[in-house]
Amino acid sequence: MNLQDDDFALFGLTRAFAQDRASIDARWKGLQREVHPDKFASHGPAAQRVALQWSVRINEAYQRLKDPLKRAAYLCELAGKPIQAHSNTAMPAAFLMQQMGWREALDDANGASALEALLAEVQQSRQELLGACETALDQTKDFEAAVSHVRALMFIDKFALDLHQRLDQFE
């Protein structure tokens, strides 16, 4: 293993969006067992520091690989197409209209059933965008499109969080 390897190489995975979560989890556990600092207690402080660095690196990679949105953003970065979420806020007009409609529906919702219906719609949109990410990243290698999909997913995830918080108020 090399600390400079990308996350996929570190985990022994193909560099692709489509991944099996159980495989990622199992590989993470195996890697953590190999480098856990306690295994190096008898090797002295320097070896324990290196083991700790490895453990941190493995955990960082795991956080990116297990989350489809983070994994997609990471694949875009590896392809030289960073998301630039803070500096590039332009979104297609249709997407912005959808967001405004959802916000209005959230504001107007007066019960859990209305919120649950809106949540189902948002989750459906999220699944469609994840499928579009998979196509763009794994099949067509259209990283520009993938960047757009990832940025839209970021908006959707933020809205879904707001929606869940509002739904919690009714429960």
Protein backbone atom coordinates (compact mmCIF):
# COMPACT_ATOMS: atom_id res chain seq x y z
CA MET A 1 0.00 0.00 0.00
CA ASN A 2 1.04 3.55 -0.67
CA LEU A 3 -0.30 6.64 1.12
CA GLN A 4 -0.31 8.44 -2.24
CA ASP A 5 -2.60 5.90 -3.94
CA ASP A 6 -6.04 7.12 -4.86
CA ASP A 7 -8.88 5.79 -2.73
CA PHE A 8 -9.87 3.14 -5.25
CA ALA A 9 -6.33 1.75 -5.51
CA LEU A 10 -6.00 1.85 -1.73
CA PHE A 11 -9.15 -0.26 -1.39
CA GLY A 12 -8.31 -2.51 -4.35
CA LEU A 13 -11.38 -1.35 -6.27
CA THR A 14 -11.93 -0.50 -9.89
CA ARG A 15 -12.08 3.26 -10.41
CA ALA A 16 -15.83 3.44 -11.05
CA PHE A 17 -18.96 5.00 -9.63
CA ALA A 18 -20.87 1.72 -9.36
CA GLN A 19 -19.58 0.00 -6.24
CA ASP A 20 -20.89 -2.61 -3.85
CA ARG A 21 -21.25 -1.00 -0.43
CA ALA A 22 -20.75 -4.31 1.39
CA SER A 23 -17.41 -4.79 -0.40
CA ILE A 24 -16.30 -1.28 0.53
CA ASP A 25 -17.27 -1.89 4.17
CA ALA A 26 -15.49 -5.26 4.28
CA ARG A 27 -12.33 -3.87 2.70
CA TRP A 28 -12.34 -0.93 5.15
CA LYS A 29 -12.55 -3.31 8.11
CA GLY A 30 -9.75 -5.45 6.70
CA LEU A 31 -7.49 -2.48 6.08
CA GLN A 32 -8.16 -1.09 9.54
CA ARG A 33 -7.23 -4.43 11.08
CA GLU A 34 -3.93 -4.40 9.17
CA VAL A 35 -2.87 -0.92 10.27
CA HIS A 36 -4.52 -0.42 13.65
CA PRO A 37 -2.03 1.44 15.87
CA ASP A 38 -2.51 -1.08 18.70
CA LYS A 39 -0.89 -3.75 16.50
CA PHE A 40 2.26 -1.62 16.50
CA ALA A 41 2.45 -0.90 20.24
CA SER A 42 5.58 -3.01 20.64
CA HIS A 43 7.26 -1.37 17.61
CA GLY A 44 7.73 2.01 19.27
CA PRO A 45 6.27 5.50 18.87
CA ALA A 46 7.44 6.04 15.27
CA ALA A 47 5.70 2.90 14.04
CA GLN A 48 2.56 3.85 15.95
CA ARG A 49 2.56 7.31 14.30
CA VAL A 50 2.84 5.74 10.87
CA ALA A 51 0.04 3.31 11.70
CA LEU A 52 -2.09 6.22 12.86
CA GLN A 53 -1.41 8.05 9.57
CA TRP A 54 -2.50 4.95 7.69
CA SER A 55 -5.61 4.60 9.81
CA VAL A 56 -6.58 8.23 9.16
CA ARG A 57 -5.90 7.86 5.42
CA ILE A 58 -8.02 4.69 5.24
CA ASN A 59 -10.88 6.37 7.12
CA GLU A 60 -10.78 9.39 4.79
CA ALA A 61 -10.90 7.12 1.76
CA TYR A 62 -13.74 5.12 3.28
CA GLN A 63 -15.80 8.27 3.84
CA ARG A 64 -15.42 9.21 0.16
CA LEU A 65 -16.00 5.74 -1.25
CA LYS A 66 -19.04 4.73 0.80
CA ASP A 67 -21.09 7.82 -0.08
CA PRO A 68 -22.28 7.89 -3.71
CA LEU A 69 -22.23 11.70 -3.89
CA LYS A 70 -18.72 11.98 -2.45
CA ARG A 71 -17.56 9.11 -4.65
CA ALA A 72 -18.92 10.83 -7.77
CA ALA A 73 -17.29 14.14 -6.83
CA TYR A 74 -14.00 12.33 -6.18
CA LEU A 75 -14.14 10.59 -9.56
CA CYS A 76 -14.69 13.97 -11.22
CA GLU A 77 -11.67 15.37 -9.37
CA LEU A 78 -9.53 12.40 -10.41
CA ALA A 79 -10.53 13.09 -14.02
CA GLY A 80 -9.41 16.71 -13.69
CA LYS A 81 -12.95 18.11 -13.45
CA PRO A 82 -13.40 19.37 -9.88
CA ILE A 83 -16.91 20.22 -8.72
CA GLN A 84 -16.03 23.78 -7.57
CA ALA A 85 -19.30 24.03 -5.64
CA HIS A 86 -18.32 27.26 -3.89
CA SER A 87 -17.16 29.18 -6.95
CA ASN A 88 -19.44 27.79 -9.66
CA THR A 89 -23.07 28.24 -8.64
CA ALA A 90 -24.67 28.35 -12.10
CA MET A 91 -27.40 25.77 -12.53
CA PRO A 92 -29.83 25.06 -15.40
CA ALA A 93 -33.03 27.12 -15.25
CA ALA A 94 -35.26 24.03 -15.20
CA PHE A 95 -33.42 22.69 -12.16
CA LEU A 96 -33.71 26.02 -10.37
CA MET A 97 -37.43 26.12 -11.12
CA GLN A 98 -37.80 22.62 -9.69
CA GLN A 99 -35.94 23.73 -6.55
CA MET A 100 -38.20 26.77 -6.18
CA GLY A 101 -41.26 24.58 -6.59
CA TRP A 102 -40.01 22.21 -3.93
CA ARG A 103 -39.26 25.08 -1.56
CA GLU A 104 -42.77 26.45 -2.06
CA ALA A 105 -44.24 22.99 -1.47
CA LEU A 106 -42.18 22.70 1.70
CA ASP A 107 -43.37 26.11 2.91
CA ASP A 108 -47.00 25.27 2.07
CA ALA A 109 -46.99 21.75 3.54
CA ASN A 110 -49.36 21.57 6.48
CA GLY A 111 -48.97 17.98 7.49
CA ALA A 112 -46.78 14.91 7.49
CA SER A 113 -48.54 13.34 4.49
CA ALA A 114 -47.76 16.36 2.27
CA LEU A 115 -44.14 16.29 3.43
CA GLU A 116 -43.85 12.55 2.84
CA ALA A 117 -45.20 12.97 -0.71
CA LEU A 118 -42.66 15.71 -1.35
CA LEU A 119 -39.90 13.54 0.12
CA ALA A 120 -40.85 10.69 -2.22
CA GLU A 121 -40.59 13.07 -5.18
CA VAL A 122 -37.21 14.35 -4.01
CA GLN A 123 -35.90 10.83 -3.45
CA GLN A 124 -37.06 9.82 -6.94
CA SER A 125 -35.17 12.78 -8.43
CA ARG A 126 -32.09 11.84 -6.40
CA GLN A 127 -32.20 8.25 -7.66
CA GLU A 128 -32.53 9.45 -11.26
CA LEU A 129 -29.54 11.75 -10.85
CA LEU A 130 -27.47 8.97 -9.27
CA GLY A 131 -28.29 6.83 -12.31
CA ALA A 132 -27.25 9.69 -14.58
CA CYS A 133 -23.99 9.96 -12.63
CA GLU A 134 -23.32 6.28 -13.11
CA THR A 135 -23.92 6.58 -16.85
CA ALA A 136 -21.76 9.70 -17.17
CA LEU A 137 -18.91 8.38 -15.04
CA ASP A 138 -18.80 4.67 -15.88
CA GLN A 139 -20.20 4.40 -19.39
CA THR A 140 -19.83 7.59 -21.42
CA LYS A 141 -16.93 9.10 -19.42
CA ASP A 142 -18.68 12.47 -19.72
CA PHE A 143 -17.14 14.16 -16.71
CA GLU A 144 -18.63 17.57 -17.53
CA ALA A 145 -22.12 16.05 -17.30
CA ALA A 146 -21.11 14.21 -14.13
CA VAL A 147 -20.01 17.50 -12.54
CA SER A 148 -23.41 18.98 -13.33
CA HIS A 149 -25.19 15.94 -11.87
CA VAL A 150 -23.06 16.02 -8.70
CA ARG A 151 -23.75 19.70 -8.17
CA ALA A 152 -27.50 19.09 -8.60
CA LEU A 153 -27.30 16.20 -6.13
CA MET A 154 -25.68 18.52 -3.61
CA PHE A 155 -28.68 20.86 -3.85
CA ILE A 156 -31.07 17.93 -3.55
CA ASP A 157 -29.31 16.52 -0.51
CA LYS A 158 -29.42 19.93 1.19
CA PHE A 159 -33.13 20.25 0.43
CA ALA A 160 -33.79 16.68 1.63
CA LEU A 161 -32.10 17.54 4.93
CA ASP A 162 -34.39 20.58 5.33
CA LEU A 163 -37.35 18.39 4.44
CA HIS A 164 -36.41 15.75 7.01
CA GLN A 165 -36.04 18.43 9.68
CA ARG A 166 -39.50 19.76 8.89
CA LEU A 167 -40.91 16.23 8.88
CA ASP A 168 -39.38 15.63 12.32
CA GLN A 169 -41.46 18.51 13.66
CA PHE A 170 -44.64 16.60 12.82
CA GLU A 171 -43.54 13.36 14.48
